[in-house]
Amino acid sequence: MNAGTIILNIIYILIALSMIVIVLLQSAKSSGMSGTIAGGAETFFGKNKGRTIDAMLSKYTTFAAIAFIVISVVLYLLLK
């Protein structure tokens, strides 16, 4: 293993751990039937839905997942 592979493995582990933390920080989407009704009204009437903490965490989760997949493929190709 050369230095580039070791650095890529460290980044891979950090992204995996950050993805775990980000997912655990997110709140549940609904809590039964009452959560479904209230969630729909909140989505319809909420003006700054894209600026909430949940929306930011969702964007970070998407970014971390894409980075995780890309680094997984790169590591597979390097170690093949």
PDB file of N, CA and C in Angstrom:
ATOM      1  N   MET A   1       0.850  -1.183   0.000  1.00  0.00           N
ATOM      2  CA  MET A   1       0.000   0.000   0.000  1.00  0.00           C
ATOM      3  C   MET A   1       0.893   1.242   0.000  1.00  0.00           C
ATOM      4  N   ASN A   2       0.600   2.117  -0.898  1.00  0.00           N
ATOM      5  CA  ASN A   2       1.373   3.352  -0.938  1.00  0.00           C
ATOM      6  C   ASN A   2       0.691   4.435  -0.104  1.00  0.00           C
ATOM      7  N   ALA A   3       1.304   5.607  -0.052  1.00  0.00           N
ATOM      8  CA  ALA A   3       0.799   6.687   0.803  1.00  0.00           C
ATOM      9  C   ALA A   3      -0.575   7.185   0.347  1.00  0.00           C
ATOM     10  N   GLY A   4      -0.819   7.213  -0.953  1.00  0.00           N
ATOM     11  CA  GLY A   4      -2.112   7.673  -1.470  1.00  0.00           C
ATOM     12  C   GLY A   4      -3.256   6.768  -1.033  1.00  0.00           C
ATOM     13  N   THR A   5      -3.025   5.479  -1.042  1.00  0.00           N
ATOM     14  CA  THR A   5      -4.053   4.526  -0.616  1.00  0.00           C
ATOM     15  C   THR A   5      -4.336   4.653   0.877  1.00  0.00           C
ATOM     16  N   ILE A   6      -3.294   4.866   1.657  1.00  0.00           N
ATOM     17  CA  ILE A   6      -3.475   5.021   3.103  1.00  0.00           C
ATOM     18  C   ILE A   6      -4.274   6.287   3.403  1.00  0.00           C
ATOM     19  N   ILE A   7      -3.941   7.390   2.726  1.00  0.00           N
ATOM     20  CA  ILE A   7      -4.682   8.640   2.924  1.00  0.00           C
ATOM     21  C   ILE A   7      -6.137   8.484   2.496  1.00  0.00           C
ATOM     22  N   LEU A   8      -6.357   7.786   1.381  1.00  0.00           N
ATOM     23  CA  LEU A   8      -7.721   7.556   0.905  1.00  0.00           C
ATOM     24  C   LEU A   8      -8.515   6.691   1.885  1.00  0.00           C
ATOM     25  N   ASN A   9      -7.859   5.714   2.501  1.00  0.00           N
ATOM     26  CA  ASN A   9      -8.524   4.892   3.519  1.00  0.00           C
ATOM     27  C   ASN A   9      -8.900   5.708   4.744  1.00  0.00           C
ATOM     28  N   ILE A  10      -8.038   6.632   5.146  1.00  0.00           N
ATOM     29  CA  ILE A  10      -8.347   7.491   6.300  1.00  0.00           C
ATOM     30  C   ILE A  10      -9.532   8.388   5.984  1.00  0.00           C
ATOM     31  N   ILE A  11      -9.550   8.969   4.786  1.00  0.00           N
ATOM     32  CA  ILE A  11     -10.687   9.806   4.373  1.00  0.00           C
ATOM     33  C   ILE A  11     -11.965   8.978   4.317  1.00  0.00           C
ATOM     34  N   TYR A  12     -11.845   7.741   3.840  1.00  0.00           N
ATOM     35  CA  TYR A  12     -12.983   6.825   3.745  1.00  0.00           C
ATOM     36  C   TYR A  12     -13.579   6.551   5.132  1.00  0.00           C
ATOM     37  N   ILE A  13     -12.731   6.314   6.100  1.00  0.00           N
ATOM     38  CA  ILE A  13     -13.201   6.053   7.466  1.00  0.00           C
ATOM     39  C   ILE A  13     -13.847   7.298   8.058  1.00  0.00           C
ATOM     40  N   LEU A  14     -13.253   8.471   7.829  1.00  0.00           N
ATOM     41  CA  LEU A  14     -13.818   9.718   8.342  1.00  0.00           C
ATOM     42  C   LEU A  14     -15.188  10.015   7.729  1.00  0.00           C
ATOM     43  N   ILE A  15     -15.340   9.756   6.440  1.00  0.00           N
ATOM     44  CA  ILE A  15     -16.640   9.972   5.802  1.00  0.00           C
ATOM     45  C   ILE A  15     -17.671   8.991   6.347  1.00  0.00           C
ATOM     46  N   ALA A  16     -17.265   7.742   6.565  1.00  0.00           N
ATOM     47  CA  ALA A  16     -18.194   6.746   7.118  1.00  0.00           C
ATOM     48  C   ALA A  16     -18.657   7.159   8.514  1.00  0.00           C
ATOM     49  N   LEU A  17     -17.729   7.602   9.348  1.00  0.00           N
ATOM     50  CA  LEU A  17     -18.097   8.026  10.700  1.00  0.00           C
ATOM     51  C   LEU A  17     -18.962   9.281  10.676  1.00  0.00           C
ATOM     52  N   SER A  18     -18.636  10.218   9.789  1.00  0.00           N
ATOM     53  CA  SER A  18     -19.455  11.438   9.711  1.00  0.00           C
ATOM     54  C   SER A  18     -20.854  11.126   9.200  1.00  0.00           C
ATOM     55  N   MET A  19     -20.974  10.173   8.292  1.00  0.00           N
ATOM     56  CA  MET A  19     -22.295   9.800   7.796  1.00  0.00           C
ATOM     57  C   MET A  19     -23.129   9.175   8.915  1.00  0.00           C
ATOM     58  N   ILE A  20     -22.511   8.378   9.760  1.00  0.00           N
ATOM     59  CA  ILE A  20     -23.224   7.786  10.900  1.00  0.00           C
ATOM     60  C   ILE A  20     -23.719   8.883  11.836  1.00  0.00           C
ATOM     61  N   VAL A  21     -22.857   9.840  12.140  1.00  0.00           N
ATOM     62  CA  VAL A  21     -23.228  10.924  13.049  1.00  0.00           C
ATOM     63  C   VAL A  21     -24.333  11.789  12.453  1.00  0.00           C
ATOM     64  N   ILE A  22     -24.226  12.109  11.165  1.00  0.00           N
ATOM     65  CA  ILE A  22     -25.238  12.947  10.518  1.00  0.00           C
ATOM     66  C   ILE A  22     -26.596  12.265  10.522  1.00  0.00           C
ATOM     67  N   VAL A  23     -26.624  10.980  10.232  1.00  0.00           N
ATOM     68  CA  VAL A  23     -27.903  10.258  10.222  1.00  0.00           C
ATOM     69  C   VAL A  23     -28.490  10.189  11.627  1.00  0.00           C
ATOM     70  N   LEU A  24     -27.657  10.000  12.637  1.00  0.00           N
ATOM     71  CA  LEU A  24     -28.169   9.944  14.003  1.00  0.00           C
ATOM     72  C   LEU A  24     -28.668  11.297  14.495  1.00  0.00           C
ATOM     73  N   LEU A  25     -28.155  12.391  13.962  1.00  0.00           N
ATOM     74  CA  LEU A  25     -28.606  13.716  14.368  1.00  0.00           C
ATOM     75  C   LEU A  25     -29.959  14.092  13.767  1.00  0.00           C
ATOM     76  N   GLN A  26     -30.348  13.436  12.683  1.00  0.00           N
ATOM     77  CA  GLN A  26     -31.611  13.776  12.042  1.00  0.00           C
ATOM     78  C   GLN A  26     -32.787  13.307  12.886  1.00  0.00           C
ATOM     79  N   SER A  27     -33.856  14.095  12.838  1.00  0.00           N
ATOM     80  CA  SER A  27     -35.055  13.718  13.581  1.00  0.00           C
ATOM     81  C   SER A  27     -35.898  12.772  12.728  1.00  0.00           C
ATOM     82  N   ALA A  28     -36.797  12.070  13.398  1.00  0.00           N
ATOM     83  CA  ALA A  28     -37.687  11.147  12.697  1.00  0.00           C
ATOM     84  C   ALA A  28     -38.633  11.925  11.791  1.00  0.00           C
ATOM     85  N   LYS A  29     -38.982  11.334  10.659  1.00  0.00           N
ATOM     86  CA  LYS A  29     -39.830  12.027   9.693  1.00  0.00           C
ATOM     87  C   LYS A  29     -41.289  12.095  10.138  1.00  0.00           C
ATOM     88  N   SER A  30     -41.787  11.075  10.782  1.00  0.00           N
ATOM     89  CA  SER A  30     -43.182  11.104  11.230  1.00  0.00           C
ATOM     90  C   SER A  30     -43.346  10.218  12.454  1.00  0.00           C
ATOM     91  N   SER A  31     -44.418  10.464  13.159  1.00  0.00           N
ATOM     92  CA  SER A  31     -44.703   9.649  14.330  1.00  0.00           C
ATOM     93  C   SER A  31     -46.137   9.147  14.230  1.00  0.00           C
ATOM     94  N   GLY A  32     -46.344   8.174  13.392  1.00  0.00           N
ATOM     95  CA  GLY A  32     -47.670   7.613  13.220  1.00  0.00           C
ATOM     96  C   GLY A  32     -48.562   8.464  12.334  1.00  0.00           C
ATOM     97  N   MET A  33     -49.880   8.300  12.509  1.00  0.00           N
ATOM     98  CA  MET A  33     -50.851   8.998  11.668  1.00  0.00           C
ATOM     99  C   MET A  33     -50.867  10.496  11.959  1.00  0.00           C
ATOM    100  N   SER A  34     -50.717  10.891  13.204  1.00  0.00           N
ATOM    101  CA  SER A  34     -50.737  12.322  13.528  1.00  0.00           C
ATOM    102  C   SER A  34     -49.518  13.031  12.949  1.00  0.00           C
ATOM    103  N   GLY A  35     -48.391  12.346  12.888  1.00  0.00           N
ATOM    104  CA  GLY A  35     -47.200  12.923  12.279  1.00  0.00           C
ATOM    105  C   GLY A  35     -47.352  13.089  10.783  1.00  0.00           C
ATOM    106  N   THR A  36     -48.109  12.198  10.164  1.00  0.00           N
ATOM    107  CA  THR A  36     -48.332  12.296   8.725  1.00  0.00           C
ATOM    108  C   THR A  36     -49.186  13.506   8.400  1.00  0.00           C
ATOM    109  N   ILE A  37     -50.235  13.719   9.168  1.00  0.00           N
ATOM    110  CA  ILE A  37     -51.122  14.856   8.924  1.00  0.00           C
ATOM    111  C   ILE A  37     -50.409  16.161   9.248  1.00  0.00           C
ATOM    112  N   ALA A  38     -49.751  16.235  10.382  1.00  0.00           N
ATOM    113  CA  ALA A  38     -49.052  17.459  10.777  1.00  0.00           C
ATOM    114  C   ALA A  38     -47.872  17.729   9.856  1.00  0.00           C
ATOM    115  N   GLY A  39     -47.198  16.674   9.414  1.00  0.00           N
ATOM    116  CA  GLY A  39     -46.066  16.857   8.514  1.00  0.00           C
ATOM    117  C   GLY A  39     -46.482  17.415   7.177  1.00  0.00           C
ATOM    118  N   GLY A  40     -47.639  16.987   6.673  1.00  0.00           N
ATOM    119  CA  GLY A  40     -48.134  17.525   5.408  1.00  0.00           C
ATOM    120  C   GLY A  40     -48.496  18.980   5.520  1.00  0.00           C
ATOM    121  N   ALA A  41     -49.111  19.371   6.626  1.00  0.00           N
ATOM    122  CA  ALA A  41     -49.464  20.777   6.827  1.00  0.00           C
ATOM    123  C   ALA A  41     -48.214  21.615   7.001  1.00  0.00           C
ATOM    124  N   GLU A  42     -47.225  21.066   7.689  1.00  0.00           N
ATOM    125  CA  GLU A  42     -45.984  21.812   7.895  1.00  0.00           C
ATOM    126  C   GLU A  42     -45.253  22.024   6.574  1.00  0.00           C
ATOM    127  N   THR A  43     -45.270  21.027   5.714  1.00  0.00           N
ATOM    128  CA  THR A  43     -44.636  21.169   4.412  1.00  0.00           C
ATOM    129  C   THR A  43     -45.363  22.182   3.554  1.00  0.00           C
ATOM    130  N   PHE A  44     -46.691  22.180   3.623  1.00  0.00           N
ATOM    131  CA  PHE A  44     -47.479  23.088   2.801  1.00  0.00           C
ATOM    132  C   PHE A  44     -47.354  24.523   3.272  1.00  0.00           C
ATOM    133  N   PHE A  45     -47.381  24.732   4.570  1.00  0.00           N
ATOM    134  CA  PHE A  45     -47.377  26.091   5.100  1.00  0.00           C
ATOM    135  C   PHE A  45     -45.985  26.600   5.483  1.00  0.00           C
ATOM    136  N   GLY A  46     -44.991  25.724   5.536  1.00  0.00           N
ATOM    137  CA  GLY A  46     -43.653  26.157   5.932  1.00  0.00           C
ATOM    138  C   GLY A  46     -42.977  26.969   4.841  1.00  0.00           C
ATOM    139  N   LYS A  47     -42.504  28.167   5.187  1.00  0.00           N
ATOM    140  CA  LYS A  47     -41.886  29.041   4.191  1.00  0.00           C
ATOM    141  C   LYS A  47     -40.398  28.756   4.032  1.00  0.00           C
ATOM    142  N   ASN A  48     -39.722  28.495   5.112  1.00  0.00           N
ATOM    143  CA  ASN A  48     -38.277  28.293   5.063  1.00  0.00           C
ATOM    144  C   ASN A  48     -37.911  26.836   5.289  1.00  0.00           C
ATOM    145  N   LYS A  49     -38.611  25.938   4.642  1.00  0.00           N
ATOM    146  CA  LYS A  49     -38.382  24.518   4.854  1.00  0.00           C
ATOM    147  C   LYS A  49     -36.978  24.098   4.411  1.00  0.00           C
ATOM    148  N   GLY A  50     -36.446  24.736   3.373  1.00  0.00           N
ATOM    149  CA  GLY A  50     -35.126  24.377   2.884  1.00  0.00           C
ATOM    150  C   GLY A  50     -33.995  24.885   3.747  1.00  0.00           C
ATOM    151  N   ARG A  51     -34.282  25.752   4.706  1.00  0.00           N
ATOM    152  CA  ARG A  51     -33.237  26.332   5.545  1.00  0.00           C
ATOM    153  C   ARG A  51     -33.208  25.754   6.949  1.00  0.00           C
ATOM    154  N   THR A  52     -34.022  24.767   7.216  1.00  0.00           N
ATOM    155  CA  THR A  52     -34.049  24.185   8.553  1.00  0.00           C
ATOM    156  C   THR A  52     -32.836  23.281   8.755  1.00  0.00           C
ATOM    157  N   ILE A  53     -32.632  22.923   9.999  1.00  0.00           N
ATOM    158  CA  ILE A  53     -31.503  22.053  10.332  1.00  0.00           C
ATOM    159  C   ILE A  53     -31.678  20.681   9.691  1.00  0.00           C
ATOM    160  N   ASP A  54     -32.916  20.177   9.662  1.00  0.00           N
ATOM    161  CA  ASP A  54     -33.162  18.880   9.041  1.00  0.00           C
ATOM    162  C   ASP A  54     -32.842  18.899   7.558  1.00  0.00           C
ATOM    163  N   ALA A  55     -33.159  19.993   6.875  1.00  0.00           N
ATOM    164  CA  ALA A  55     -32.861  20.097   5.450  1.00  0.00           C
ATOM    165  C   ALA A  55     -31.356  20.145   5.218  1.00  0.00           C
ATOM    166  N   MET A  56     -30.647  20.872   6.080  1.00  0.00           N
ATOM    167  CA  MET A  56     -29.191  20.934   5.945  1.00  0.00           C
ATOM    168  C   MET A  56     -28.564  19.570   6.211  1.00  0.00           C
ATOM    169  N   LEU A  57     -29.055  18.869   7.235  1.00  0.00           N
ATOM    170  CA  LEU A  57     -28.520  17.540   7.526  1.00  0.00           C
ATOM    171  C   LEU A  57     -28.815  16.563   6.393  1.00  0.00           C
ATOM    172  N   SER A  58     -29.967  16.718   5.755  1.00  0.00           N
ATOM    173  CA  SER A  58     -30.304  15.874   4.616  1.00  0.00           C
ATOM    174  C   SER A  58     -29.348  16.123   3.449  1.00  0.00           C
ATOM    175  N   LYS A  59     -29.019  17.375   3.216  1.00  0.00           N
ATOM    176  CA  LYS A  59     -28.065  17.699   2.145  1.00  0.00           C
ATOM    177  C   LYS A  59     -26.684  17.146   2.474  1.00  0.00           C
ATOM    178  N   TYR A  60     -26.255  17.255   3.727  1.00  0.00           N
ATOM    179  CA  TYR A  60     -24.960  16.723   4.137  1.00  0.00           C
ATOM    180  C   TYR A  60     -24.927  15.198   4.014  1.00  0.00           C
ATOM    181  N   THR A  61     -26.048  14.555   4.327  1.00  0.00           N
ATOM    182  CA  THR A  61     -26.127  13.103   4.193  1.00  0.00           C
ATOM    183  C   THR A  61     -25.971  12.687   2.741  1.00  0.00           C
ATOM    184  N   THR A  62     -26.620  13.422   1.841  1.00  0.00           N
ATOM    185  CA  THR A  62     -26.509  13.117   0.415  1.00  0.00           C
ATOM    186  C   THR A  62     -25.069  13.281  -0.059  1.00  0.00           C
ATOM    187  N   PHE A  63     -24.436  14.377   0.336  1.00  0.00           N
ATOM    188  CA  PHE A  63     -23.048  14.609  -0.053  1.00  0.00           C
ATOM    189  C   PHE A  63     -22.135  13.511   0.490  1.00  0.00           C
ATOM    190  N   ALA A  64     -22.307  13.145   1.758  1.00  0.00           N
ATOM    191  CA  ALA A  64     -21.465  12.117   2.372  1.00  0.00           C
ATOM    192  C   ALA A  64     -21.684  10.758   1.709  1.00  0.00           C
ATOM    193  N   ALA A  65     -22.917  10.442   1.354  1.00  0.00           N
ATOM    194  CA  ALA A  65     -23.201   9.159   0.705  1.00  0.00           C
ATOM    195  C   ALA A  65     -22.561   9.094  -0.680  1.00  0.00           C
ATOM    196  N   ILE A  66     -22.640  10.187  -1.432  1.00  0.00           N
ATOM    197  CA  ILE A  66     -22.019  10.202  -2.757  1.00  0.00           C
ATOM    198  C   ILE A  66     -20.503  10.073  -2.639  1.00  0.00           C
ATOM    199  N   ALA A  67     -19.907  10.806  -1.695  1.00  0.00           N
ATOM    200  CA  ALA A  67     -18.464  10.711  -1.489  1.00  0.00           C
ATOM    201  C   ALA A  67     -18.063   9.303  -1.051  1.00  0.00           C
ATOM    202  N   PHE A  68     -18.875   8.687  -0.209  1.00  0.00           N
ATOM    203  CA  PHE A  68     -18.604   7.325   0.262  1.00  0.00           C
ATOM    204  C   PHE A  68     -18.602   6.342  -0.902  1.00  0.00           C
ATOM    205  N   ILE A  69     -19.579   6.456  -1.790  1.00  0.00           N
ATOM    206  CA  ILE A  69     -19.667   5.546  -2.941  1.00  0.00           C
ATOM    207  C   ILE A  69     -18.502   5.760  -3.895  1.00  0.00           C
ATOM    208  N   VAL A  70     -18.166   7.030  -4.165  1.00  0.00           N
ATOM    209  CA  VAL A  70     -17.068   7.318  -5.091  1.00  0.00           C
ATOM    210  C   VAL A  70     -15.752   6.789  -4.544  1.00  0.00           C
ATOM    211  N   ILE A  71     -15.492   7.023  -3.266  1.00  0.00           N
ATOM    212  CA  ILE A  71     -14.239   6.539  -2.679  1.00  0.00           C
ATOM    213  C   ILE A  71     -14.225   5.015  -2.612  1.00  0.00           C
ATOM    214  N   SER A  72     -15.380   4.393  -2.411  1.00  0.00           N
ATOM    215  CA  SER A  72     -15.443   2.925  -2.419  1.00  0.00           C
ATOM    216  C   SER A  72     -15.027   2.369  -3.771  1.00  0.00           C
ATOM    217  N   VAL A  73     -15.520   2.974  -4.843  1.00  0.00           N
ATOM    218  CA  VAL A  73     -15.174   2.516  -6.190  1.00  0.00           C
ATOM    219  C   VAL A  73     -13.690   2.758  -6.468  1.00  0.00           C
ATOM    220  N   VAL A  74     -13.183   3.918  -6.074  1.00  0.00           N
ATOM    221  CA  VAL A  74     -11.769   4.225  -6.302  1.00  0.00           C
ATOM    222  C   VAL A  74     -10.874   3.256  -5.536  1.00  0.00           C
ATOM    223  N   LEU A  75     -11.215   2.984  -4.288  1.00  0.00           N
ATOM    224  CA  LEU A  75     -10.416   2.031  -3.510  1.00  0.00           C
ATOM    225  C   LEU A  75     -10.475   0.632  -4.109  1.00  0.00           C
ATOM    226  N   TYR A  76     -11.629   0.242  -4.613  1.00  0.00           N
ATOM    227  CA  TYR A  76     -11.748  -1.074  -5.250  1.00  0.00           C
ATOM    228  C   TYR A  76     -10.836  -1.157  -6.474  1.00  0.00           C
ATOM    229  N   LEU A  77     -10.839  -0.087  -7.270  1.00  0.00           N
ATOM    230  CA  LEU A  77     -10.011  -0.094  -8.473  1.00  0.00           C
ATOM    231  C   LEU A  77      -8.516  -0.038  -8.140  1.00  0.00           C
ATOM    232  N   LEU A  78      -8.151   0.656  -7.070  1.00  0.00           N
ATOM    233  CA  LEU A  78      -6.746   0.729  -6.680  1.00  0.00           C
ATOM    234  C   LEU A  78      -6.238  -0.578  -6.098  1.00  0.00           C
ATOM    235  N   LEU A  79      -7.081  -1.259  -5.350  1.00  0.00           N
ATOM    236  CA  LEU A  79      -6.640  -2.493  -4.683  1.00  0.00           C
ATOM    237  C   LEU A  79      -6.876  -3.746  -5.505  1.00  0.00           C
ATOM    238  N   LYS A  80      -7.428  -3.599  -6.660  1.00  0.00           N
ATOM    239  CA  LYS A  80      -7.735  -4.753  -7.517  1.00  0.00           C
ATOM    240  C   LYS A  80      -6.497  -5.356  -8.086  1.00  0.00           C
TER     241      LYS A  80
END
